[in-house]
């Protein structure tokens, strides 16, 4: 598999959100994305960074066809070794077959897990969506791979810690055997020690399975540690993108420079904050 081949393409995406009506009058739409174009290559990590409200999470939803853009296109590779095709041209059957290969792990695992489902039920549903065999052995193997144990199969989300819930979400994503996982602030809500464990796991999984990641984060230290390329969003537009090391070492846009300055100030003022995550870099 050629890692330079694109697995996902977006061209000129525009997404607008309607505001609630006030005094019976509709408010003008807010343009959350304004002409965004990018690509994700097989096996790479593309980081999407920007300040709060820049449109990062909206972009992830649009890329995964969870939100319909007003205009522009999103193209997925519908099967291994296939070139990306516009998702709008896929039949319902083709879209169902392709969707399990594009997964997402959100920042808040408790909000993305069904509170009535045990870990076993969560994984069984994911195994079924991916068309792969399930069963106790498969579930245990997957849990162990993400650092959980057989005993967690019978637990409900509220019976797990935040780190355990995030690992379950990652196991659920992996159950469909994806080629790409979008990680929307995947460790922001976790303790520092748990962050390091989850990040090490993501690096190992990428190496073993050739996964591509779309990493949404405000933490440029994490970008420097994990990403191959970075796209900087500002008010719905990509204002800078390129090799992560080059962009972070010689930023060309004011937004990128402001994000770097904010990170330096955090390191200087918050005790225990470091300029890079604690696990060793592995590319």
C-alpha atoms as a PDB file:
ATOM      1  CA  UNK A   1       0.000   0.000   0.000  1.00  0.00           C
ATOM      2  CA  UNK A   2       1.400   3.333  -1.006  1.00  0.00           C
ATOM      3  CA  UNK A   3       1.254   5.733   1.960  1.00  0.00           C
ATOM      4  CA  UNK A   4       1.232   8.703  -0.434  1.00  0.00           C
ATOM      5  CA  UNK A   5      -2.140   7.662  -1.891  1.00  0.00           C
ATOM      6  CA  UNK A   6      -5.053   9.758  -0.590  1.00  0.00           C
ATOM      7  CA  UNK A   7      -7.726   7.926   1.365  1.00  0.00           C
ATOM      8  CA  UNK A   8      -9.896  11.016   1.863  1.00  0.00           C
ATOM      9  CA  UNK A   9     -10.225  14.254  -0.106  1.00  0.00           C
ATOM     10  CA  UNK A  10     -12.200  17.414   0.586  1.00  0.00           C
ATOM     11  CA  UNK A  11     -12.621  20.181  -1.956  1.00  0.00           C
ATOM     12  CA  UNK A  12     -14.007  23.666  -1.351  1.00  0.00           C
ATOM     13  CA  UNK A  13     -16.233  22.652   1.575  1.00  0.00           C
ATOM     14  CA  UNK A  14     -18.781  25.195   2.762  1.00  0.00           C
ATOM     15  CA  UNK A  15     -20.890  24.462   5.848  1.00  0.00           C
ATOM     16  CA  UNK A  16     -23.411  26.927   7.270  1.00  0.00           C
ATOM     17  CA  UNK A  17     -25.266  26.747  10.575  1.00  0.00           C
ATOM     18  CA  UNK A  18     -28.609  28.437  11.051  1.00  0.00           C
ATOM     19  CA  UNK A  19     -29.144  30.492  14.184  1.00  0.00           C
ATOM     20  CA  UNK A  20     -32.340  30.205  16.198  1.00  0.00           C
ATOM     21  CA  UNK A  21     -35.045  32.660  15.256  1.00  0.00           C
ATOM     22  CA  UNK A  22     -35.350  35.784  17.410  1.00  0.00           C
ATOM     23  CA  UNK A  23     -38.689  37.568  17.734  1.00  0.00           C
ATOM     24  CA  UNK A  24     -40.000  35.571  14.801  1.00  0.00           C
ATOM     25  CA  UNK A  25     -37.161  36.599  12.520  1.00  0.00           C
ATOM     26  CA  UNK A  26     -34.627  34.136  11.207  1.00  0.00           C
ATOM     27  CA  UNK A  27     -31.030  35.067  11.854  1.00  0.00           C
ATOM     28  CA  UNK A  28     -28.472  34.932   9.022  1.00  0.00           C
ATOM     29  CA  UNK A  29     -26.583  31.673   8.688  1.00  0.00           C
ATOM     30  CA  UNK A  30     -23.147  31.402  10.240  1.00  0.00           C
ATOM     31  CA  UNK A  31     -20.500  30.064   7.853  1.00  0.00           C
ATOM     32  CA  UNK A  32     -18.670  27.421   9.917  1.00  0.00           C
ATOM     33  CA  UNK A  33     -16.496  26.264   6.989  1.00  0.00           C
ATOM     34  CA  UNK A  34     -15.616  28.526   4.093  1.00  0.00           C
ATOM     35  CA  UNK A  35     -13.951  26.831   1.127  1.00  0.00           C
ATOM     36  CA  UNK A  36     -11.884  24.161   2.914  1.00  0.00           C
ATOM     37  CA  UNK A  37      -9.795  21.802   0.782  1.00  0.00           C
ATOM     38  CA  UNK A  38      -7.452  19.106   2.094  1.00  0.00           C
ATOM     39  CA  UNK A  39      -6.418  15.491   1.710  1.00  0.00           C
ATOM     40  CA  UNK A  40      -5.543  12.665   4.065  1.00  0.00           C
ATOM     41  CA  UNK A  41      -3.056  10.088   2.855  1.00  0.00           C
ATOM     42  CA  UNK A  42      -2.994   6.437   3.803  1.00  0.00           C
ATOM     43  CA  UNK A  43      -1.156   5.810   7.052  1.00  0.00           C
ATOM     44  CA  UNK A  44      -0.447   9.473   7.877  1.00  0.00           C
ATOM     45  CA  UNK A  45      -1.481  11.760  10.725  1.00  0.00           C
ATOM     46  CA  UNK A  46      -3.053  15.034   9.616  1.00  0.00           C
ATOM     47  CA  UNK A  47      -3.572  17.476  12.480  1.00  0.00           C
ATOM     48  CA  UNK A  48      -6.272  20.142  12.335  1.00  0.00           C
ATOM     49  CA  UNK A  49      -5.616  22.992  14.754  1.00  0.00           C
ATOM     50  CA  UNK A  50      -7.186  26.316  15.550  1.00  0.00           C
ATOM     51  CA  UNK A  51      -8.731  28.366  18.296  1.00  0.00           C
ATOM     52  CA  UNK A  52     -12.121  27.495  19.788  1.00  0.00           C
ATOM     53  CA  UNK A  53     -14.851  28.171  17.247  1.00  0.00           C
ATOM     54  CA  UNK A  54     -12.520  27.908  14.261  1.00  0.00           C
ATOM     55  CA  UNK A  55     -14.581  25.066  12.770  1.00  0.00           C
ATOM     56  CA  UNK A  56     -12.428  22.041  13.675  1.00  0.00           C
ATOM     57  CA  UNK A  57     -15.203  19.741  14.883  1.00  0.00           C
ATOM     58  CA  UNK A  58     -17.504  20.851  12.064  1.00  0.00           C
ATOM     59  CA  UNK A  59     -14.793  19.892   9.592  1.00  0.00           C
ATOM     60  CA  UNK A  60     -14.496  16.423  11.116  1.00  0.00           C
ATOM     61  CA  UNK A  61     -18.252  15.888  10.880  1.00  0.00           C
ATOM     62  CA  UNK A  62     -18.229  17.010   7.254  1.00  0.00           C
ATOM     63  CA  UNK A  63     -15.260  14.780   6.380  1.00  0.00           C
ATOM     64  CA  UNK A  64     -17.020  11.737   7.863  1.00  0.00           C
ATOM     65  CA  UNK A  65     -20.335  12.558   6.147  1.00  0.00           C
ATOM     66  CA  UNK A  66     -21.996  13.184   9.516  1.00  0.00           C
ATOM     67  CA  UNK A  67     -22.919  16.687   8.388  1.00  0.00           C
ATOM     68  CA  UNK A  68     -23.943  17.731   4.895  1.00  0.00           C
ATOM     69  CA  UNK A  69     -22.023  20.677   3.435  1.00  0.00           C
ATOM     70  CA  UNK A  70     -23.854  23.431   1.619  1.00  0.00           C
ATOM     71  CA  UNK A  71     -21.383  23.043  -1.235  1.00  0.00           C
ATOM     72  CA  UNK A  72     -18.111  21.320  -2.022  1.00  0.00           C
ATOM     73  CA  UNK A  73     -17.266  17.631  -2.059  1.00  0.00           C
ATOM     74  CA  UNK A  74     -15.957  14.924   0.230  1.00  0.00           C
ATOM     75  CA  UNK A  75     -14.423  11.867  -1.416  1.00  0.00           C
ATOM     76  CA  UNK A  76     -13.604   8.567   0.296  1.00  0.00           C
ATOM     77  CA  UNK A  77     -11.686   5.574  -0.905  1.00  0.00           C
ATOM     78  CA  UNK A  78     -14.607   3.097  -0.968  1.00  0.00           C
ATOM     79  CA  UNK A  79     -12.369   0.044  -0.600  1.00  0.00           C
ATOM     80  CA  UNK A  80      -8.673  -0.720  -0.027  1.00  0.00           C
ATOM     81  CA  UNK A  81      -6.475   0.272  -2.975  1.00  0.00           C
ATOM     82  CA  UNK A  82      -9.337   2.286  -4.537  1.00  0.00           C
ATOM     83  CA  UNK A  83      -9.054   5.970  -5.395  1.00  0.00           C
ATOM     84  CA  UNK A  84     -11.401   8.305  -3.481  1.00  0.00           C
ATOM     85  CA  UNK A  85     -14.829   8.934  -4.994  1.00  0.00           C
ATOM     86  CA  UNK A  86     -17.408  11.585  -4.118  1.00  0.00           C
ATOM     87  CA  UNK A  87     -19.563  10.154  -1.328  1.00  0.00           C
ATOM     88  CA  UNK A  88     -22.631  11.616  -3.035  1.00  0.00           C
ATOM     89  CA  UNK A  89     -22.115   9.231  -5.959  1.00  0.00           C
ATOM     90  CA  UNK A  90     -22.004   6.127  -3.761  1.00  0.00           C
ATOM     91  CA  UNK A  91     -25.102   3.978  -3.629  1.00  0.00           C
ATOM     92  CA  UNK A  92     -26.665   3.390  -0.214  1.00  0.00           C
ATOM     93  CA  UNK A  93     -25.109  -0.065  -0.177  1.00  0.00           C
ATOM     94  CA  UNK A  94     -21.660   1.259  -1.104  1.00  0.00           C
ATOM     95  CA  UNK A  95     -21.872   3.960   1.562  1.00  0.00           C
ATOM     96  CA  UNK A  96     -22.823   1.422   4.234  1.00  0.00           C
ATOM     97  CA  UNK A  97     -19.897  -0.747   3.168  1.00  0.00           C
ATOM     98  CA  UNK A  98     -17.433   2.146   3.246  1.00  0.00           C
ATOM     99  CA  UNK A  99     -18.577   3.891   6.432  1.00  0.00           C
ATOM    100  CA  UNK A 100     -17.062   1.396   8.942  1.00  0.00           C
ATOM    101  CA  UNK A 101     -13.630   2.175   7.469  1.00  0.00           C
ATOM    102  CA  UNK A 102     -13.918   5.801   8.624  1.00  0.00           C
ATOM    103  CA  UNK A 103     -14.327   6.039  12.394  1.00  0.00           C
ATOM    104  CA  UNK A 104     -14.240   8.789  15.024  1.00  0.00           C
ATOM    105  CA  UNK A 105     -13.290   9.046  18.701  1.00  0.00           C
ATOM    106  CA  UNK A 106     -14.682  12.130  20.427  1.00  0.00           C
ATOM    107  CA  UNK A 107     -13.327  14.129  23.358  1.00  0.00           C
ATOM    108  CA  UNK A 108     -16.124  13.132  25.748  1.00  0.00           C
ATOM    109  CA  UNK A 109     -16.448   9.331  25.774  1.00  0.00           C
ATOM    110  CA  UNK A 110     -19.368   9.361  28.215  1.00  0.00           C
ATOM    111  CA  UNK A 111     -21.464  11.395  25.771  1.00  0.00           C
ATOM    112  CA  UNK A 112     -20.681   9.061  22.864  1.00  0.00           C
ATOM    113  CA  UNK A 113     -21.463   5.773  24.655  1.00  0.00           C
ATOM    114  CA  UNK A 114     -24.970   4.415  25.231  1.00  0.00           C
ATOM    115  CA  UNK A 115     -25.387   4.458  29.032  1.00  0.00           C
ATOM    116  CA  UNK A 116     -27.592   1.334  28.847  1.00  0.00           C
ATOM    117  CA  UNK A 117     -25.030  -0.757  26.965  1.00  0.00           C
ATOM    118  CA  UNK A 118     -22.237  -2.753  28.515  1.00  0.00           C
ATOM    119  CA  UNK A 119     -18.850  -2.794  26.852  1.00  0.00           C
ATOM    120  CA  UNK A 120     -19.802  -6.187  25.417  1.00  0.00           C
ATOM    121  CA  UNK A 121     -22.926  -4.781  23.738  1.00  0.00           C
ATOM    122  CA  UNK A 122     -20.994  -1.750  22.457  1.00  0.00           C
ATOM    123  CA  UNK A 123     -18.348  -3.935  20.829  1.00  0.00           C
ATOM    124  CA  UNK A 124     -20.848  -6.431  19.434  1.00  0.00           C
ATOM    125  CA  UNK A 125     -22.710  -3.612  17.705  1.00  0.00           C
ATOM    126  CA  UNK A 126     -19.441  -2.345  16.205  1.00  0.00           C
ATOM    127  CA  UNK A 127     -18.381  -5.826  15.078  1.00  0.00           C
ATOM    128  CA  UNK A 128     -21.718  -6.196  13.323  1.00  0.00           C
ATOM    129  CA  UNK A 129     -21.445  -2.802  11.614  1.00  0.00           C
ATOM    130  CA  UNK A 130     -18.064  -3.773  10.238  1.00  0.00           C
ATOM    131  CA  UNK A 131     -19.268  -7.148   9.003  1.00  0.00           C
ATOM    132  CA  UNK A 132     -16.639  -8.976  11.055  1.00  0.00           C
ATOM    133  CA  UNK A 133     -17.047 -11.963  13.387  1.00  0.00           C
ATOM    134  CA  UNK A 134     -17.581 -11.127  17.019  1.00  0.00           C
ATOM    135  CA  UNK A 135     -17.890 -13.181  20.168  1.00  0.00           C
ATOM    136  CA  UNK A 136     -16.368 -13.232  23.627  1.00  0.00           C
ATOM    137  CA  UNK A 137     -12.859 -14.065  22.428  1.00  0.00           C
ATOM    138  CA  UNK A 138     -12.809 -11.269  19.842  1.00  0.00           C
ATOM    139  CA  UNK A 139     -14.113  -8.761  22.370  1.00  0.00           C
ATOM    140  CA  UNK A 140     -11.569  -9.743  24.999  1.00  0.00           C
ATOM    141  CA  UNK A 141      -8.729  -9.599  22.482  1.00  0.00           C
ATOM    142  CA  UNK A 142      -9.724  -6.111  21.422  1.00  0.00           C
ATOM    143  CA  UNK A 143     -10.129  -4.866  25.000  1.00  0.00           C
ATOM    144  CA  UNK A 144      -6.725  -6.237  25.936  1.00  0.00           C
ATOM    145  CA  UNK A 145      -5.209  -4.482  22.940  1.00  0.00           C
ATOM    146  CA  UNK A 146      -6.402  -1.118  24.260  1.00  0.00           C
ATOM    147  CA  UNK A 147      -5.348  -1.876  27.840  1.00  0.00           C
ATOM    148  CA  UNK A 148      -8.608  -3.177  29.306  1.00  0.00           C
ATOM    149  CA  UNK A 149      -9.501  -6.665  30.564  1.00  0.00           C
ATOM    150  CA  UNK A 150     -12.215  -9.334  30.272  1.00  0.00           C
ATOM    151  CA  UNK A 151     -13.882  -8.002  33.420  1.00  0.00           C
ATOM    152  CA  UNK A 152     -14.674  -4.736  31.627  1.00  0.00           C
ATOM    153  CA  UNK A 153     -16.957  -6.506  29.133  1.00  0.00           C
ATOM    154  CA  UNK A 154     -19.829  -6.504  31.605  1.00  0.00           C
ATOM    155  CA  UNK A 155     -19.430  -2.905  32.762  1.00  0.00           C
ATOM    156  CA  UNK A 156     -21.605   0.043  31.890  1.00  0.00           C
ATOM    157  CA  UNK A 157     -19.981   3.386  30.970  1.00  0.00           C
ATOM    158  CA  UNK A 158     -20.653   4.948  34.385  1.00  0.00           C
ATOM    159  CA  UNK A 159     -18.833   2.033  36.010  1.00  0.00           C
ATOM    160  CA  UNK A 160     -15.597   2.937  34.203  1.00  0.00           C
ATOM    161  CA  UNK A 161     -13.080   5.729  34.668  1.00  0.00           C
ATOM    162  CA  UNK A 162     -12.650   8.420  32.019  1.00  0.00           C
ATOM    163  CA  UNK A 163      -9.543   6.736  30.673  1.00  0.00           C
ATOM    164  CA  UNK A 164     -11.269   3.354  30.517  1.00  0.00           C
ATOM    165  CA  UNK A 165     -14.242   4.850  28.656  1.00  0.00           C
ATOM    166  CA  UNK A 166     -11.925   6.482  26.124  1.00  0.00           C
ATOM    167  CA  UNK A 167     -10.168   3.151  25.597  1.00  0.00           C
ATOM    168  CA  UNK A 168     -13.545   1.510  25.040  1.00  0.00           C
ATOM    169  CA  UNK A 169     -14.378   4.145  22.411  1.00  0.00           C
ATOM    170  CA  UNK A 170     -11.089   3.397  20.695  1.00  0.00           C
ATOM    171  CA  UNK A 171     -11.807  -0.348  20.843  1.00  0.00           C
ATOM    172  CA  UNK A 172     -15.235   0.299  19.317  1.00  0.00           C
ATOM    173  CA  UNK A 173     -13.618   2.227  16.466  1.00  0.00           C
ATOM    174  CA  UNK A 174     -11.046  -0.513  15.895  1.00  0.00           C
ATOM    175  CA  UNK A 175     -13.723  -3.240  15.827  1.00  0.00           C
ATOM    176  CA  UNK A 176     -14.739  -2.227  12.302  1.00  0.00           C
ATOM    177  CA  UNK A 177     -11.127  -2.547  11.068  1.00  0.00           C
ATOM    178  CA  UNK A 178     -10.947   1.058   9.854  1.00  0.00           C
ATOM    179  CA  UNK A 179      -8.372   2.646   7.603  1.00  0.00           C
ATOM    180  CA  UNK A 180      -8.883   6.105   9.144  1.00  0.00           C
ATOM    181  CA  UNK A 181      -9.865   7.326  12.609  1.00  0.00           C
ATOM    182  CA  UNK A 182     -10.726  10.932  13.366  1.00  0.00           C
ATOM    183  CA  UNK A 183      -9.559  11.868  16.873  1.00  0.00           C
ATOM    184  CA  UNK A 184     -11.436  14.924  18.127  1.00  0.00           C
ATOM    185  CA  UNK A 185      -9.450  16.163  21.175  1.00  0.00           C
ATOM    186  CA  UNK A 186      -9.034  12.499  22.218  1.00  0.00           C
ATOM    187  CA  UNK A 187      -6.988  13.074  25.376  1.00  0.00           C
ATOM    188  CA  UNK A 188      -7.947  16.595  26.434  1.00  0.00           C
ATOM    189  CA  UNK A 189     -10.248  15.367  29.225  1.00  0.00           C
ATOM    190  CA  UNK A 190      -7.809  12.766  30.602  1.00  0.00           C
ATOM    191  CA  UNK A 191      -5.217  12.941  33.336  1.00  0.00           C
ATOM    192  CA  UNK A 192      -1.624  13.409  32.185  1.00  0.00           C
ATOM    193  CA  UNK A 193      -0.584   9.824  32.959  1.00  0.00           C
ATOM    194  CA  UNK A 194      -3.588   8.415  31.099  1.00  0.00           C
ATOM    195  CA  UNK A 195      -2.926  10.800  28.197  1.00  0.00           C
ATOM    196  CA  UNK A 196       0.555   9.324  27.793  1.00  0.00           C
ATOM    197  CA  UNK A 197      -0.804   5.759  27.780  1.00  0.00           C
ATOM    198  CA  UNK A 198      -3.474   6.510  25.182  1.00  0.00           C
ATOM    199  CA  UNK A 199      -0.988   8.358  22.953  1.00  0.00           C
ATOM    200  CA  UNK A 200       1.475   5.476  23.096  1.00  0.00           C
ATOM    201  CA  UNK A 201      -1.358   3.143  22.128  1.00  0.00           C
ATOM    202  CA  UNK A 202      -2.298   5.330  19.144  1.00  0.00           C
ATOM    203  CA  UNK A 203       1.297   5.291  17.916  1.00  0.00           C
ATOM    204  CA  UNK A 204       1.503   1.498  18.278  1.00  0.00           C
ATOM    205  CA  UNK A 205      -1.793   0.971  16.448  1.00  0.00           C
ATOM    206  CA  UNK A 206      -0.712   3.216  13.619  1.00  0.00           C
ATOM    207  CA  UNK A 207       2.506   1.251  13.226  1.00  0.00           C
ATOM    208  CA  UNK A 208       0.775  -2.149  13.394  1.00  0.00           C
ATOM    209  CA  UNK A 209      -2.300  -1.448  11.270  1.00  0.00           C
ATOM    210  CA  UNK A 210      -1.205   1.355   8.969  1.00  0.00           C
ATOM    211  CA  UNK A 211      -3.982   3.587  10.288  1.00  0.00           C
ATOM    212  CA  UNK A 212      -4.448   7.164   9.162  1.00  0.00           C
ATOM    213  CA  UNK A 213      -5.515   9.697  11.793  1.00  0.00           C
ATOM    214  CA  UNK A 214      -7.209  13.065  11.519  1.00  0.00           C
ATOM    215  CA  UNK A 215      -6.179  14.665  14.795  1.00  0.00           C
ATOM    216  CA  UNK A 216      -8.236  17.632  15.979  1.00  0.00           C
ATOM    217  CA  UNK A 217      -6.502  19.500  18.774  1.00  0.00           C
ATOM    218  CA  UNK A 218      -5.536  22.900  20.138  1.00  0.00           C
ATOM    219  CA  UNK A 219      -2.308  21.462  21.591  1.00  0.00           C
ATOM    220  CA  UNK A 220       0.604  22.187  19.274  1.00  0.00           C
ATOM    221  CA  UNK A 221       2.938  20.118  21.423  1.00  0.00           C
ATOM    222  CA  UNK A 222       0.810  17.098  20.575  1.00  0.00           C
ATOM    223  CA  UNK A 223       0.907  18.052  16.905  1.00  0.00           C
ATOM    224  CA  UNK A 224       4.705  18.258  16.990  1.00  0.00           C
ATOM    225  CA  UNK A 225       4.896  14.859  18.644  1.00  0.00           C
ATOM    226  CA  UNK A 226       2.362  12.904  16.578  1.00  0.00           C
ATOM    227  CA  UNK A 227       1.456  14.585  13.274  1.00  0.00           C
ATOM    228  CA  UNK A 228       3.038  14.377   9.834  1.00  0.00           C
ATOM    229  CA  UNK A 229       1.164  17.352   8.414  1.00  0.00           C
ATOM    230  CA  UNK A 230      -0.918  20.139   9.938  1.00  0.00           C
ATOM    231  CA  UNK A 231      -3.740  22.368   8.712  1.00  0.00           C
ATOM    232  CA  UNK A 232      -4.440  25.581  10.642  1.00  0.00           C
ATOM    233  CA  UNK A 233      -8.072  26.736  10.699  1.00  0.00           C
ATOM    234  CA  UNK A 234      -9.169  30.297  11.364  1.00  0.00           C
ATOM    235  CA  UNK A 235     -12.846  31.229  11.188  1.00  0.00           C
ATOM    236  CA  UNK A 236     -13.669  28.355   8.883  1.00  0.00           C
ATOM    237  CA  UNK A 237     -10.743  28.763   6.504  1.00  0.00           C
ATOM    238  CA  UNK A 238      -7.438  26.935   6.240  1.00  0.00           C
ATOM    239  CA  UNK A 239      -4.880  29.698   6.570  1.00  0.00           C
ATOM    240  CA  UNK A 240      -1.762  27.521   6.620  1.00  0.00           C
ATOM    241  CA  UNK A 241      -0.918  23.881   6.015  1.00  0.00           C
ATOM    242  CA  UNK A 242       2.110  21.729   5.355  1.00  0.00           C
ATOM    243  CA  UNK A 243       4.699  19.530   7.021  1.00  0.00           C
ATOM    244  CA  UNK A 244       4.094  19.718  10.772  1.00  0.00           C
ATOM    245  CA  UNK A 245       7.709  20.357  11.711  1.00  0.00           C
ATOM    246  CA  UNK A 246       8.130  23.057   9.103  1.00  0.00           C
ATOM    247  CA  UNK A 247       4.902  24.868   9.966  1.00  0.00           C
ATOM    248  CA  UNK A 248       5.598  24.817  13.703  1.00  0.00           C
ATOM    249  CA  UNK A 249       9.232  25.854  13.357  1.00  0.00           C
ATOM    250  CA  UNK A 250       8.591  28.659  10.851  1.00  0.00           C
ATOM    251  CA  UNK A 251       4.905  29.674  10.982  1.00  0.00           C
ATOM    252  CA  UNK A 252       3.797  31.980   8.195  1.00  0.00           C
ATOM    253  CA  UNK A 253       0.352  33.043   9.417  1.00  0.00           C
ATOM    254  CA  UNK A 254      -0.592  35.152  12.420  1.00  0.00           C
ATOM    255  CA  UNK A 255      -3.031  32.503  13.686  1.00  0.00           C
ATOM    256  CA  UNK A 256      -0.307  29.863  13.811  1.00  0.00           C
ATOM    257  CA  UNK A 257       2.053  32.252  15.563  1.00  0.00           C
ATOM    258  CA  UNK A 258      -0.662  33.108  18.108  1.00  0.00           C
ATOM    259  CA  UNK A 259      -1.284  29.436  18.853  1.00  0.00           C
ATOM    260  CA  UNK A 260       2.428  28.852  19.371  1.00  0.00           C
ATOM    261  CA  UNK A 261       2.698  31.887  21.633  1.00  0.00           C
ATOM    262  CA  UNK A 262      -0.267  30.694  23.703  1.00  0.00           C
ATOM    263  CA  UNK A 263       1.427  27.326  24.158  1.00  0.00           C
ATOM    264  CA  UNK A 264       4.692  28.951  25.272  1.00  0.00           C
ATOM    265  CA  UNK A 265       2.844  31.116  27.787  1.00  0.00           C
ATOM    266  CA  UNK A 266       1.064  28.042  29.171  1.00  0.00           C
ATOM    267  CA  UNK A 267       4.377  26.234  29.626  1.00  0.00           C
ATOM    268  CA  UNK A 268       5.825  29.272  31.392  1.00  0.00           C
ATOM    269  CA  UNK A 269       2.908  29.894  33.747  1.00  0.00           C
ATOM    270  CA  UNK A 270       1.343  26.506  34.611  1.00  0.00           C
ATOM    271  CA  UNK A 271       3.447  24.266  36.888  1.00  0.00           C
ATOM    272  CA  UNK A 272       4.059  20.795  35.479  1.00  0.00           C
ATOM    273  CA  UNK A 273       3.203  21.760  31.904  1.00  0.00           C
ATOM    274  CA  UNK A 274       5.786  20.685  29.337  1.00  0.00           C
ATOM    275  CA  UNK A 275       6.366  21.751  25.787  1.00  0.00           C
ATOM    276  CA  UNK A 276       5.960  18.182  24.516  1.00  0.00           C
ATOM    277  CA  UNK A 277       3.977  15.138  25.675  1.00  0.00           C
ATOM    278  CA  UNK A 278       5.933  12.709  27.845  1.00  0.00           C
ATOM    279  CA  UNK A 279       6.059   9.601  25.554  1.00  0.00           C
ATOM    280  CA  UNK A 280       8.979   9.460  23.106  1.00  0.00           C
ATOM    281  CA  UNK A 281       8.242  10.558  19.567  1.00  0.00           C
ATOM    282  CA  UNK A 282       7.631   7.699  17.144  1.00  0.00           C
ATOM    283  CA  UNK A 283       6.924   8.314  13.468  1.00  0.00           C
END
